[in-house]
PDB file of N, CA and C in Angstrom:
ATOM      1  N   MET A   1       9.921  -4.310 -29.004  1.00  0.00           N
ATOM      2  CA  MET A   1      10.750  -5.441 -28.606  1.00  0.00           C
ATOM      3  C   MET A   1      12.139  -4.983 -28.184  1.00  0.00           C
ATOM      4  N   LYS A   2      12.648  -3.927 -28.814  1.00  0.00           N
ATOM      5  CA  LYS A   2      14.001  -3.499 -28.490  1.00  0.00           C
ATOM      6  C   LYS A   2      14.085  -2.863 -27.106  1.00  0.00           C
ATOM      7  N   ARG A   3      12.958  -2.380 -26.574  1.00  0.00           N
ATOM      8  CA  ARG A   3      12.954  -1.827 -25.218  1.00  0.00           C
ATOM      9  C   ARG A   3      12.702  -2.904 -24.158  1.00  0.00           C
ATOM     10  N   ILE A   4      12.085  -3.995 -24.551  1.00  0.00           N
ATOM     11  CA  ILE A   4      11.746  -5.041 -23.591  1.00  0.00           C
ATOM     12  C   ILE A   4      12.931  -5.968 -23.326  1.00  0.00           C
ATOM     13  N   LYS A   5      13.749  -6.202 -24.322  1.00  0.00           N
ATOM     14  CA  LYS A   5      14.874  -7.130 -24.186  1.00  0.00           C
ATOM     15  C   LYS A   5      15.840  -6.734 -23.067  1.00  0.00           C
ATOM     16  N   PRO A   6      16.256  -5.463 -22.950  1.00  0.00           N
ATOM     17  CA  PRO A   6      17.138  -5.103 -21.825  1.00  0.00           C
ATOM     18  C   PRO A   6      16.463  -5.251 -20.465  1.00  0.00           C
ATOM     19  N   ILE A   7      15.166  -4.968 -20.411  1.00  0.00           N
ATOM     20  CA  ILE A   7      14.455  -5.072 -19.141  1.00  0.00           C
ATOM     21  C   ILE A   7      14.338  -6.529 -18.712  1.00  0.00           C
ATOM     22  N   LEU A   8      14.025  -7.403 -19.649  1.00  0.00           N
ATOM     23  CA  LEU A   8      13.946  -8.829 -19.316  1.00  0.00           C
ATOM     24  C   LEU A   8      15.304  -9.401 -18.932  1.00  0.00           C
ATOM     25  N   THR A   9      16.340  -8.942 -19.602  1.00  0.00           N
ATOM     26  CA  THR A   9      17.690  -9.389 -19.264  1.00  0.00           C
ATOM     27  C   THR A   9      18.064  -8.954 -17.847  1.00  0.00           C
ATOM     28  N   ALA A  10      17.751  -7.716 -17.504  1.00  0.00           N
ATOM     29  CA  ALA A  10      18.053  -7.217 -16.160  1.00  0.00           C
ATOM     30  C   ALA A  10      17.225  -7.946 -15.111  1.00  0.00           C
ATOM     31  N   ALA A  11      15.960  -8.222 -15.409  1.00  0.00           N
ATOM     32  CA  ALA A  11      15.114  -8.946 -14.459  1.00  0.00           C
ATOM     33  C   ALA A  11      15.637 -10.362 -14.232  1.00  0.00           C
ATOM     34  N   CYS A  12      16.079 -11.011 -15.283  1.00  0.00           N
ATOM     35  CA  CYS A  12      16.672 -12.351 -15.147  1.00  0.00           C
ATOM     36  C   CYS A  12      17.954 -12.300 -14.331  1.00  0.00           C
ATOM     37  N   ALA A  13      18.756 -11.268 -14.526  1.00  0.00           N
ATOM     38  CA  ALA A  13      19.993 -11.130 -13.743  1.00  0.00           C
ATOM     39  C   ALA A  13      19.687 -10.937 -12.265  1.00  0.00           C
ATOM     40  N   ILE A  14      18.643 -10.183 -11.954  1.00  0.00           N
ATOM     41  CA  ILE A  14      18.261  -9.973 -10.555  1.00  0.00           C
ATOM     42  C   ILE A  14      17.835 -11.293  -9.925  1.00  0.00           C
ATOM     43  N   ILE A  15      17.033 -12.060 -10.633  1.00  0.00           N
ATOM     44  CA  ILE A  15      16.549 -13.337 -10.101  1.00  0.00           C
ATOM     45  C   ILE A  15      17.693 -14.337  -9.966  1.00  0.00           C
ATOM     46  N   ILE A  16      18.569 -14.395 -10.965  1.00  0.00           N
ATOM     47  CA  ILE A  16      19.702 -15.329 -10.907  1.00  0.00           C
ATOM     48  C   ILE A  16      20.629 -14.990  -9.745  1.00  0.00           C
ATOM     49  N   LEU A  17      20.896 -13.703  -9.534  1.00  0.00           N
ATOM     50  CA  LEU A  17      21.755 -13.309  -8.409  1.00  0.00           C
ATOM     51  C   LEU A  17      21.091 -13.601  -7.081  1.00  0.00           C
ATOM     52  N   PHE A  18      19.772 -13.453  -7.005  1.00  0.00           N
ATOM     53  CA  PHE A  18      19.060 -13.759  -5.767  1.00  0.00           C
ATOM     54  C   PHE A  18      19.169 -15.248  -5.437  1.00  0.00           C
ATOM     55  N   VAL A  19      18.994 -16.085  -6.435  1.00  0.00           N
ATOM     56  CA  VAL A  19      19.117 -17.534  -6.227  1.00  0.00           C
ATOM     57  C   VAL A  19      20.562 -17.889  -5.873  1.00  0.00           C
ATOM     58  N   ALA A  20      21.520 -17.262  -6.545  1.00  0.00           N
ATOM     59  CA  ALA A  20      22.933 -17.541  -6.262  1.00  0.00           C
ATOM     60  C   ALA A  20      23.305 -17.141  -4.839  1.00  0.00           C
ATOM     61  N   VAL A  21      22.815 -16.006  -4.384  1.00  0.00           N
ATOM     62  CA  VAL A  21      23.103 -15.572  -3.015  1.00  0.00           C
ATOM     63  C   VAL A  21      22.446 -16.516  -2.011  1.00  0.00           C
ATOM     64  N   SER A  22      21.246 -16.976  -2.318  1.00  0.00           N
ATOM     65  CA  SER A  22      20.579 -17.933  -1.432  1.00  0.00           C
ATOM     66  C   SER A  22      21.370 -19.233  -1.329  1.00  0.00           C
ATOM     67  N   LEU A  23      21.853 -19.736  -2.455  1.00  0.00           N
ATOM     68  CA  LEU A  23      22.661 -20.955  -2.432  1.00  0.00           C
ATOM     69  C   LEU A  23      23.994 -20.733  -1.728  1.00  0.00           C
ATOM     70  N   LEU A  24      24.616 -19.583  -1.958  1.00  0.00           N
ATOM     71  CA  LEU A  24      25.866 -19.256  -1.279  1.00  0.00           C
ATOM     72  C   LEU A  24      25.654 -19.180   0.227  1.00  0.00           C
ATOM     73  N   ASP A  25      24.524 -18.642   0.630  1.00  0.00           N
ATOM     74  CA  ASP A  25      24.210 -18.550   2.048  1.00  0.00           C
ATOM     75  C   ASP A  25      24.086 -19.934   2.673  1.00  0.00           C
ATOM     76  N   VAL A  26      23.448 -20.848   1.978  1.00  0.00           N
ATOM     77  CA  VAL A  26      23.311 -22.215   2.485  1.00  0.00           C
ATOM     78  C   VAL A  26      24.678 -22.889   2.591  1.00  0.00           C
ATOM     79  N   VAL A  27      25.516 -22.707   1.581  1.00  0.00           N
ATOM     80  CA  VAL A  27      26.850 -23.316   1.590  1.00  0.00           C
ATOM     81  C   VAL A  27      27.697 -22.753   2.730  1.00  0.00           C
ATOM     82  N   ILE A  28      27.645 -21.441   2.915  1.00  0.00           N
ATOM     83  CA  ILE A  28      28.423 -20.829   3.995  1.00  0.00           C
ATOM     84  C   ILE A  28      27.929 -21.296   5.356  1.00  0.00           C
ATOM     85  N   SER A  29      26.616 -21.386   5.514  1.00  0.00           N
ATOM     86  CA  SER A  29      26.085 -21.811   6.814  1.00  0.00           C
ATOM     87  C   SER A  29      26.414 -23.270   7.116  1.00  0.00           C
ATOM     88  N   VAL A  30      26.553 -24.099   6.087  1.00  0.00           N
ATOM     89  CA  VAL A  30      26.911 -25.503   6.313  1.00  0.00           C
ATOM     90  C   VAL A  30      28.409 -25.642   6.587  1.00  0.00           C
ATOM     91  N   LEU A  31      29.225 -24.949   5.816  1.00  0.00           N
ATOM     92  CA  LEU A  31      30.675 -25.093   5.970  1.00  0.00           C
ATOM     93  C   LEU A  31      31.212 -24.392   7.212  1.00  0.00           C
ATOM     94  N   TYR A  32      30.652 -23.231   7.538  1.00  0.00           N
ATOM     95  CA  TYR A  32      31.145 -22.439   8.666  1.00  0.00           C
ATOM     96  C   TYR A  32      30.039 -22.205   9.680  1.00  0.00           C
ATOM     97  N   ALA A  33      29.388 -23.264  10.109  1.00  0.00           N
ATOM     98  CA  ALA A  33      28.240 -23.144  11.007  1.00  0.00           C
ATOM     99  C   ALA A  33      28.622 -22.521  12.347  1.00  0.00           C
ATOM    100  N   ARG A  34      29.819 -22.767  12.787  1.00  0.00           N
ATOM    101  CA  ARG A  34      30.235 -22.256  14.088  1.00  0.00           C
ATOM    102  C   ARG A  34      30.381 -20.737  14.081  1.00  0.00           C
ATOM    103  N   PHE A  35      30.817 -20.178  12.964  1.00  0.00           N
ATOM    104  CA  PHE A  35      31.066 -18.746  12.889  1.00  0.00           C
ATOM    105  C   PHE A  35      29.954 -17.976  12.185  1.00  0.00           C
ATOM    106  N   TYR A  36      28.914 -18.668  11.785  1.00  0.00           N
ATOM    107  CA  TYR A  36      27.850 -18.032  11.009  1.00  0.00           C
ATOM    108  C   TYR A  36      26.787 -17.487  11.948  1.00  0.00           C
ATOM    109  N   SER A  37      26.448 -16.210  11.768  1.00  0.00           N
ATOM    110  CA  SER A  37      25.450 -15.574  12.629  1.00  0.00           C
ATOM    111  C   SER A  37      24.371 -14.923  11.772  1.00  0.00           C
ATOM    112  N   SER A  38      23.385 -14.359  12.431  1.00  0.00           N
ATOM    113  CA  SER A  38      22.305 -13.696  11.694  1.00  0.00           C
ATOM    114  C   SER A  38      22.800 -12.427  11.010  1.00  0.00           C
ATOM    115  N   ILE A  39      23.810 -11.799  11.562  1.00  0.00           N
ATOM    116  CA  ILE A  39      24.376 -10.604  10.920  1.00  0.00           C
ATOM    117  C   ILE A  39      25.075 -10.990   9.621  1.00  0.00           C
ATOM    118  N   ALA A  40      25.795 -12.090   9.631  1.00  0.00           N
ATOM    119  CA  ALA A  40      26.443 -12.563   8.409  1.00  0.00           C
ATOM    120  C   ALA A  40      25.404 -12.924   7.357  1.00  0.00           C
ATOM    121  N   PHE A  41      24.295 -13.442   7.796  1.00  0.00           N
ATOM    122  CA  PHE A  41      23.182 -13.782   6.925  1.00  0.00           C
ATOM    123  C   PHE A  41      22.644 -12.531   6.223  1.00  0.00           C
ATOM    124  N   ILE A  42      22.433 -11.476   6.977  1.00  0.00           N
ATOM    125  CA  ILE A  42      21.906 -10.228   6.428  1.00  0.00           C
ATOM    126  C   ILE A  42      22.940  -9.543   5.533  1.00  0.00           C
ATOM    127  N   VAL A  43      24.190  -9.547   5.945  1.00  0.00           N
ATOM    128  CA  VAL A  43      25.244  -8.909   5.151  1.00  0.00           C
ATOM    129  C   VAL A  43      25.438  -9.633   3.824  1.00  0.00           C
ATOM    130  N   THR A  44      25.340 -10.954   3.829  1.00  0.00           N
ATOM    131  CA  THR A  44      25.475 -11.720   2.587  1.00  0.00           C
ATOM    132  C   THR A  44      24.419 -11.301   1.567  1.00  0.00           C
ATOM    133  N   PHE A  45      23.181 -11.176   2.013  1.00  0.00           N
ATOM    134  CA  PHE A  45      22.125 -10.754   1.103  1.00  0.00           C
ATOM    135  C   PHE A  45      22.261  -9.280   0.726  1.00  0.00           C
ATOM    136  N   GLY A  46      22.779  -8.461   1.627  1.00  0.00           N
ATOM    137  CA  GLY A  46      23.006  -7.059   1.296  1.00  0.00           C
ATOM    138  C   GLY A  46      24.057  -6.882   0.217  1.00  0.00           C
ATOM    139  N   VAL A  47      25.142  -7.590   0.338  1.00  0.00           N
ATOM    140  CA  VAL A  47      26.194  -7.532  -0.686  1.00  0.00           C
ATOM    141  C   VAL A  47      25.678  -8.126  -1.996  1.00  0.00           C
ATOM    142  N   GLY A  48      24.886  -9.167  -1.900  1.00  0.00           N
ATOM    143  CA  GLY A  48      24.274  -9.745  -3.095  1.00  0.00           C
ATOM    144  C   GLY A  48      23.357  -8.769  -3.811  1.00  0.00           C
ATOM    145  N   GLY A  49      22.670  -7.923  -3.064  1.00  0.00           N
ATOM    146  CA  GLY A  49      21.811  -6.909  -3.665  1.00  0.00           C
ATOM    147  C   GLY A  49      22.593  -5.879  -4.451  1.00  0.00           C
ATOM    148  N   ILE A  50      23.752  -5.491  -3.931  1.00  0.00           N
ATOM    149  CA  ILE A  50      24.592  -4.535  -4.664  1.00  0.00           C
ATOM    150  C   ILE A  50      25.112  -5.172  -5.945  1.00  0.00           C
ATOM    151  N   PHE A  51      25.588  -6.412  -5.847  1.00  0.00           N
ATOM    152  CA  PHE A  51      26.037  -7.108  -7.049  1.00  0.00           C
ATOM    153  C   PHE A  51      24.882  -7.310  -8.031  1.00  0.00           C
ATOM    154  N   GLY A  52      23.692  -7.578  -7.511  1.00  0.00           N
ATOM    155  CA  GLY A  52      22.527  -7.724  -8.364  1.00  0.00           C
ATOM    156  C   GLY A  52      22.225  -6.450  -9.134  1.00  0.00           C
ATOM    157  N   ALA A  53      22.335  -5.304  -8.461  1.00  0.00           N
ATOM    158  CA  ALA A  53      22.088  -4.029  -9.138  1.00  0.00           C
ATOM    159  C   ALA A  53      23.133  -3.764 -10.220  1.00  0.00           C
ATOM    160  N   VAL A  54      24.384  -4.020  -9.906  1.00  0.00           N
ATOM    161  CA  VAL A  54      25.458  -3.755 -10.871  1.00  0.00           C
ATOM    162  C   VAL A  54      25.352  -4.678 -12.085  1.00  0.00           C
ATOM    163  N   PHE A  55      25.172  -5.972 -11.829  1.00  0.00           N
ATOM    164  CA  PHE A  55      25.093  -6.913 -12.951  1.00  0.00           C
ATOM    165  C   PHE A  55      23.839  -6.705 -13.791  1.00  0.00           C
ATOM    166  N   ALA A  56      22.709  -6.431 -13.143  1.00  0.00           N
ATOM    167  CA  ALA A  56      21.470  -6.214 -13.893  1.00  0.00           C
ATOM    168  C   ALA A  56      21.587  -4.975 -14.775  1.00  0.00           C
ATOM    169  N   TYR A  57      22.163  -3.906 -14.257  1.00  0.00           N
ATOM    170  CA  TYR A  57      22.331  -2.697 -15.059  1.00  0.00           C
ATOM    171  C   TYR A  57      23.312  -2.949 -16.206  1.00  0.00           C
ATOM    172  N   HIS A  58      24.400  -3.607 -15.901  1.00  0.00           N
ATOM    173  CA  HIS A  58      25.424  -3.860 -16.916  1.00  0.00           C
ATOM    174  C   HIS A  58      24.875  -4.735 -18.044  1.00  0.00           C
ATOM    175  N   TYR A  59      24.252  -5.848 -17.692  1.00  0.00           N
ATOM    176  CA  TYR A  59      23.726  -6.743 -18.725  1.00  0.00           C
ATOM    177  C   TYR A  59      22.553  -6.118 -19.477  1.00  0.00           C
ATOM    178  N   GLY A  60      21.750  -5.340 -18.774  1.00  0.00           N
ATOM    179  CA  GLY A  60      20.646  -4.660 -19.439  1.00  0.00           C
ATOM    180  C   GLY A  60      21.126  -3.634 -20.451  1.00  0.00           C
ATOM    181  N   MET A  61      22.133  -2.862 -20.085  1.00  0.00           N
ATOM    182  CA  MET A  61      22.678  -1.869 -21.022  1.00  0.00           C
ATOM    183  C   MET A  61      23.428  -2.544 -22.162  1.00  0.00           C
ATOM    184  N   GLU A  62      24.000  -3.701 -21.898  1.00  0.00           N
ATOM    185  CA  GLU A  62      24.669  -4.457 -22.953  1.00  0.00           C
ATOM    186  C   GLU A  62      23.684  -4.934 -24.014  1.00  0.00           C
ATOM    187  N   MET A  63      22.481  -5.303 -23.588  1.00  0.00           N
ATOM    188  CA  MET A  63      21.465  -5.806 -24.512  1.00  0.00           C
ATOM    189  C   MET A  63      20.684  -4.682 -25.196  1.00  0.00           C
ATOM    190  N   ALA A  64      20.821  -3.464 -24.706  1.00  0.00           N
ATOM    191  CA  ALA A  64      20.081  -2.344 -25.290  1.00  0.00           C
ATOM    192  C   ALA A  64      20.641  -2.005 -26.663  1.00  0.00           C
ATOM    193  N   VAL A  65      19.755  -1.710 -27.583  1.00  0.00           N
ATOM    194  CA  VAL A  65      20.163  -1.384 -28.947  1.00  0.00           C
ATOM    195  C   VAL A  65      20.633   0.057 -29.020  1.00  0.00           C
ATOM    196  N   ALA A  66      19.828   0.978 -28.487  1.00  0.00           N
ATOM    197  CA  ALA A  66      20.128   2.404 -28.627  1.00  0.00           C
ATOM    198  C   ALA A  66      21.081   2.918 -27.550  1.00  0.00           C
ATOM    199  N   LYS A  67      21.030   2.346 -26.362  1.00  0.00           N
ATOM    200  CA  LYS A  67      21.836   2.792 -25.219  1.00  0.00           C
ATOM    201  C   LYS A  67      21.634   4.282 -24.954  1.00  0.00           C
ATOM    202  N   ASP A  68      20.384   4.681 -24.893  1.00  0.00           N
ATOM    203  CA  ASP A  68      20.080   6.087 -24.648  1.00  0.00           C
ATOM    204  C   ASP A  68      19.530   6.265 -23.227  1.00  0.00           C
ATOM    205  N   GLU A  69      19.076   7.482 -22.952  1.00  0.00           N
ATOM    206  CA  GLU A  69      18.578   7.799 -21.619  1.00  0.00           C
ATOM    207  C   GLU A  69      17.323   7.002 -21.268  1.00  0.00           C
ATOM    208  N   LYS A  70      16.486   6.705 -22.242  1.00  0.00           N
ATOM    209  CA  LYS A  70      15.275   5.927 -21.961  1.00  0.00           C
ATOM    210  C   LYS A  70      15.624   4.523 -21.477  1.00  0.00           C
ATOM    211  N   ASP A  71      16.595   3.905 -22.114  1.00  0.00           N
ATOM    212  CA  ASP A  71      17.027   2.575 -21.670  1.00  0.00           C
ATOM    213  C   ASP A  71      17.643   2.643 -20.277  1.00  0.00           C
ATOM    214  N   ARG A  72      18.457   3.640 -20.076  1.00  0.00           N
ATOM    215  CA  ARG A  72      19.135   3.788 -18.787  1.00  0.00           C
ATOM    216  C   ARG A  72      18.133   3.981 -17.658  1.00  0.00           C
ATOM    217  N   TRP A  73      17.185   4.885 -17.847  1.00  0.00           N
ATOM    218  CA  TRP A  73      16.224   5.157 -16.786  1.00  0.00           C
ATOM    219  C   TRP A  73      15.209   4.038 -16.618  1.00  0.00           C
ATOM    220  N   SER A  74      14.907   3.323 -17.670  1.00  0.00           N
ATOM    221  CA  SER A  74      14.002   2.178 -17.510  1.00  0.00           C
ATOM    222  C   SER A  74      14.664   1.082 -16.678  1.00  0.00           C
ATOM    223  N   LEU A  75      15.959   0.909 -16.838  1.00  0.00           N
ATOM    224  CA  LEU A  75      16.672  -0.074 -16.015  1.00  0.00           C
ATOM    225  C   LEU A  75      16.780   0.386 -14.565  1.00  0.00           C
ATOM    226  N   ILE A  76      17.015   1.668 -14.363  1.00  0.00           N
ATOM    227  CA  ILE A  76      17.094   2.190 -12.996  1.00  0.00           C
ATOM    228  C   ILE A  76      15.747   2.047 -12.299  1.00  0.00           C
ATOM    229  N   ILE A  77      14.660   2.347 -13.012  1.00  0.00           N
ATOM    230  CA  ILE A  77      13.324   2.191 -12.433  1.00  0.00           C
ATOM    231  C   ILE A  77      13.025   0.727 -12.147  1.00  0.00           C
ATOM    232  N   LEU A  78      13.459  -0.172 -13.030  1.00  0.00           N
ATOM    233  CA  LEU A  78      13.292  -1.602 -12.780  1.00  0.00           C
ATOM    234  C   LEU A  78      14.030  -2.031 -11.519  1.00  0.00           C
ATOM    235  N   LEU A  79      15.243  -1.555 -11.327  1.00  0.00           N
ATOM    236  CA  LEU A  79      16.007  -1.910 -10.133  1.00  0.00           C
ATOM    237  C   LEU A  79      15.333  -1.399  -8.870  1.00  0.00           C
ATOM    238  N   ILE A  80      14.832  -0.170  -8.918  1.00  0.00           N
ATOM    239  CA  ILE A  80      14.144   0.383  -7.751  1.00  0.00           C
ATOM    240  C   ILE A  80      12.858  -0.396  -7.473  1.00  0.00           C
ATOM    241  N   ALA A  81      12.098  -0.717  -8.519  1.00  0.00           N
ATOM    242  CA  ALA A  81      10.855  -1.471  -8.337  1.00  0.00           C
ATOM    243  C   ALA A  81      11.128  -2.874  -7.796  1.00  0.00           C
ATOM    244  N   ALA A  82      12.154  -3.534  -8.318  1.00  0.00           N
ATOM    245  CA  ALA A  82      12.489  -4.876  -7.827  1.00  0.00           C
ATOM    246  C   ALA A  82      12.967  -4.814  -6.376  1.00  0.00           C
ATOM    247  N   GLY A  83      13.715  -3.788  -6.041  1.00  0.00           N
ATOM    248  CA  GLY A  83      14.160  -3.624  -4.659  1.00  0.00           C
ATOM    249  C   GLY A  83      13.008  -3.376  -3.706  1.00  0.00           C
ATOM    250  N   LEU A  84      12.081  -2.513  -4.100  1.00  0.00           N
ATOM    251  CA  LEU A  84      10.916  -2.249  -3.252  1.00  0.00           C
ATOM    252  C   LEU A  84      10.017  -3.476  -3.146  1.00  0.00           C
ATOM    253  N   LEU A  85       9.912  -4.219  -4.231  1.00  0.00           N
ATOM    254  CA  LEU A  85       9.128  -5.452  -4.219  1.00  0.00           C
ATOM    255  C   LEU A  85       9.731  -6.466  -3.250  1.00  0.00           C
ATOM    256  N   SER A  86      11.038  -6.590  -3.268  1.00  0.00           N
ATOM    257  CA  SER A  86      11.705  -7.506  -2.358  1.00  0.00           C
ATOM    258  C   SER A  86      11.611  -7.020  -0.916  1.00  0.00           C
ATOM    259  N   PHE A  87      11.745  -5.710  -0.724  1.00  0.00           N
ATOM    260  CA  PHE A  87      11.744  -5.147   0.630  1.00  0.00           C
ATOM    261  C   PHE A  87      10.378  -5.276   1.292  1.00  0.00           C
ATOM    262  N   PHE A  88       9.340  -4.953   0.555  1.00  0.00           N
ATOM    263  CA  PHE A  88       8.015  -4.952   1.174  1.00  0.00           C
ATOM    264  C   PHE A  88       7.259  -6.261   0.968  1.00  0.00           C
ATOM    265  N   TRP A  89       7.094  -6.698  -0.263  1.00  0.00           N
ATOM    266  CA  TRP A  89       6.218  -7.832  -0.539  1.00  0.00           C
ATOM    267  C   TRP A  89       6.873  -9.167  -0.191  1.00  0.00           C
ATOM    268  N   LEU A  90       8.084  -9.386  -0.675  1.00  0.00           N
ATOM    269  CA  LEU A  90       8.740 -10.673  -0.459  1.00  0.00           C
ATOM    270  C   LEU A  90       9.103 -10.879   1.012  1.00  0.00           C
ATOM    271  N   ALA A  91       9.583  -9.832   1.662  1.00  0.00           N
ATOM    272  CA  ALA A  91       9.927  -9.946   3.085  1.00  0.00           C
ATOM    273  C   ALA A  91       8.677 -10.149   3.944  1.00  0.00           C
ATOM    274  N   GLN A  92       7.577  -9.533   3.536  1.00  0.00           N
ATOM    275  CA  GLN A  92       6.337  -9.706   4.286  1.00  0.00           C
ATOM    276  C   GLN A  92       5.764 -11.110   4.079  1.00  0.00           C
ATOM    277  N   MET A  93       5.921 -11.643   2.869  1.00  0.00           N
ATOM    278  CA  MET A  93       5.454 -13.008   2.620  1.00  0.00           C
ATOM    279  C   MET A  93       6.229 -14.007   3.458  1.00  0.00           C
ATOM    280  N   GLU A  94       7.529 -13.804   3.581  1.00  0.00           N
ATOM    281  CA  GLU A  94       8.364 -14.728   4.347  1.00  0.00           C
ATOM    282  C   GLU A  94       8.088 -14.542   5.840  1.00  0.00           C
ATOM    283  N   ALA A  95       8.235 -13.328   6.346  1.00  0.00           N
ATOM    284  CA  ALA A  95       7.941 -12.953   7.728  1.00  0.00           C
ATOM    285  C   ALA A  95       8.547 -13.916   8.747  1.00  0.00           C
ATOM    286  N   GLY A  96       9.664 -14.483   8.435  1.00  0.00           N
ATOM    287  CA  GLY A  96      10.327 -15.398   9.363  1.00  0.00           C
ATOM    288  C   GLY A  96      11.808 -15.068   9.422  1.00  0.00           C
ATOM    289  N   GLU A  97      12.605 -16.099   9.333  1.00  0.00           N
ATOM    290  CA  GLU A  97      14.049 -15.946   9.435  1.00  0.00           C
ATOM    291  C   GLU A  97      14.632 -15.164   8.261  1.00  0.00           C
ATOM    292  N   TYR A  98      14.042 -15.308   7.090  1.00  0.00           N
ATOM    293  CA  TYR A  98      14.577 -14.669   5.899  1.00  0.00           C
ATOM    294  C   TYR A  98      14.056 -13.252   5.674  1.00  0.00           C
ATOM    295  N   ALA A  99      13.170 -12.761   6.481  1.00  0.00           N
ATOM    296  CA  ALA A  99      12.575 -11.438   6.258  1.00  0.00           C
ATOM    297  C   ALA A  99      13.634 -10.339   6.273  1.00  0.00           C
ATOM    298  N   ALA A 100      14.525 -10.366   7.237  1.00  0.00           N
ATOM    299  CA  ALA A 100      15.564  -9.337   7.307  1.00  0.00           C
ATOM    300  C   ALA A 100      16.533  -9.442   6.130  1.00  0.00           C
ATOM    301  N   ALA A 101      16.820 -10.654   5.699  1.00  0.00           N
ATOM    302  CA  ALA A 101      17.729 -10.840   4.567  1.00  0.00           C
ATOM    303  C   ALA A 101      17.090 -10.352   3.274  1.00  0.00           C
ATOM    304  N   PHE A 102      15.797 -10.619   3.077  1.00  0.00           N
ATOM    305  CA  PHE A 102      15.110 -10.136   1.883  1.00  0.00           C
ATOM    306  C   PHE A 102      15.015  -8.622   1.888  1.00  0.00           C
ATOM    307  N   LYS A 103      14.835  -8.034   3.067  1.00  0.00           N
ATOM    308  CA  LYS A 103      14.825  -6.571   3.171  1.00  0.00           C
ATOM    309  C   LYS A 103      16.201  -6.002   2.839  1.00  0.00           C
ATOM    310  N   ALA A 104      17.252  -6.666   3.287  1.00  0.00           N
ATOM    311  CA  ALA A 104      18.602  -6.204   2.975  1.00  0.00           C
ATOM    312  C   ALA A 104      18.870  -6.292   1.480  1.00  0.00           C
ATOM    313  N   TYR A 105      18.444  -7.370   0.849  1.00  0.00           N
ATOM    314  CA  TYR A 105      18.623  -7.520  -0.596  1.00  0.00           C
ATOM    315  C   TYR A 105      17.848  -6.437  -1.340  1.00  0.00           C
ATOM    316  N   GLY A 106      16.613  -6.218  -0.946  1.00  0.00           N
ATOM    317  CA  GLY A 106      15.797  -5.210  -1.609  1.00  0.00           C
ATOM    318  C   GLY A 106      16.313  -3.803  -1.406  1.00  0.00           C
ATOM    319  N   ALA A 107      16.737  -3.486  -0.194  1.00  0.00           N
ATOM    320  CA  ALA A 107      17.239  -2.138   0.078  1.00  0.00           C
ATOM    321  C   ALA A 107      18.520  -1.852  -0.691  1.00  0.00           C
ATOM    322  N   THR A 108      19.437  -2.800  -0.708  1.00  0.00           N
ATOM    323  CA  THR A 108      20.687  -2.554  -1.432  1.00  0.00           C
ATOM    324  C   THR A 108      20.493  -2.610  -2.938  1.00  0.00           C
ATOM    325  N   LEU A 109      19.525  -3.379  -3.405  1.00  0.00           N
ATOM    326  CA  LEU A 109      19.205  -3.396  -4.835  1.00  0.00           C
ATOM    327  C   LEU A 109      18.648  -2.046  -5.265  1.00  0.00           C
ATOM    328  N   ALA A 110      17.733  -1.497  -4.473  1.00  0.00           N
ATOM    329  CA  ALA A 110      17.149  -0.195  -4.809  1.00  0.00           C
ATOM    330  C   ALA A 110      18.173   0.926  -4.654  1.00  0.00           C
ATOM    331  N   MET A 111      18.933   0.901  -3.586  1.00  0.00           N
ATOM    332  CA  MET A 111      19.937   1.956  -3.376  1.00  0.00           C
ATOM    333  C   MET A 111      21.127   1.797  -4.313  1.00  0.00           C
ATOM    334  N   GLY A 112      21.407   0.577  -4.718  1.00  0.00           N
ATOM    335  CA  GLY A 112      22.491   0.354  -5.674  1.00  0.00           C
ATOM    336  C   GLY A 112      22.185   0.949  -7.036  1.00  0.00           C
ATOM    337  N   SER A 113      20.910   1.093  -7.343  1.00  0.00           N
ATOM    338  CA  SER A 113      20.537   1.710  -8.621  1.00  0.00           C
ATOM    339  C   SER A 113      20.902   3.186  -8.658  1.00  0.00           C
ATOM    340  N   LEU A 114      21.058   3.788  -7.501  1.00  0.00           N
ATOM    341  CA  LEU A 114      21.443   5.205  -7.457  1.00  0.00           C
ATOM    342  C   LEU A 114      22.877   5.424  -7.935  1.00  0.00           C
ATOM    343  N   LEU A 115      23.649   4.365  -8.007  1.00  0.00           N
ATOM    344  CA  LEU A 115      25.008   4.479  -8.563  1.00  0.00           C
ATOM    345  C   LEU A 115      24.990   4.892 -10.022  1.00  0.00           C
ATOM    346  N   PHE A 116      23.887   4.610 -10.698  1.00  0.00           N
ATOM    347  CA  PHE A 116      23.822   4.809 -12.140  1.00  0.00           C
ATOM    348  C   PHE A 116      23.010   6.037 -12.539  1.00  0.00           C
ATOM    349  N   THR A 117      22.581   6.839 -11.580  1.00  0.00           N
ATOM    350  CA  THR A 117      21.764   8.006 -11.935  1.00  0.00           C
ATOM    351  C   THR A 117      22.597   9.124 -12.535  1.00  0.00           C
ATOM    352  N   TYR A 118      23.840   9.233 -12.136  1.00  0.00           N
ATOM    353  CA  TYR A 118      24.710  10.262 -12.693  1.00  0.00           C
ATOM    354  C   TYR A 118      25.785   9.600 -13.545  1.00  0.00           C
ATOM    355  N   GLY A 119      26.299  10.329 -14.474  1.00  0.00           N
ATOM    356  CA  GLY A 119      27.370   9.814 -15.299  1.00  0.00           C
ATOM    357  C   GLY A 119      26.931   9.587 -16.718  1.00  0.00           C
ATOM    358  N   LYS A 120      27.894   9.221 -17.509  1.00  0.00           N
ATOM    359  CA  LYS A 120      27.600   9.002 -18.928  1.00  0.00           C
ATOM    360  C   LYS A 120      27.130   7.583 -19.177  1.00  0.00           C
ATOM    361  N   ILE A 121      26.540   7.394 -20.319  1.00  0.00           N
ATOM    362  CA  ILE A 121      26.039   6.078 -20.710  1.00  0.00           C
ATOM    363  C   ILE A 121      27.188   5.310 -21.337  1.00  0.00           C
ATOM    364  N   ASP A 122      27.272   4.027 -20.998  1.00  0.00           N
ATOM    365  CA  ASP A 122      28.351   3.184 -21.541  1.00  0.00           C
ATOM    366  C   ASP A 122      28.278   3.095 -23.035  1.00  0.00           C
TER     367      ASP A 122
END
């Protein structure tokens, strides 16, 4: 149970950030429709992916009891798996307007996990 709690916390953070970025995207497109483009759409989800990686790692390590290398690497693997899942499976399921945005979220989520491969444990 002590190894599952940080992973579930990180997974919830990834999902919450994904929903938050989606809602933020809708709000921005409604308020600034004249200046909103497909590039802004992709960049919004890309930045959201980086924030998703940082928050998921931070909250996951906060919930970890031991805070050792196993917890750290399990969270990094979770971030990479969630990013690849978003990049390939979720973007392919959508295959429309949101496909590029889901790929941007997945790519930055997976690459954002590389920020935590080196360094000391909090």
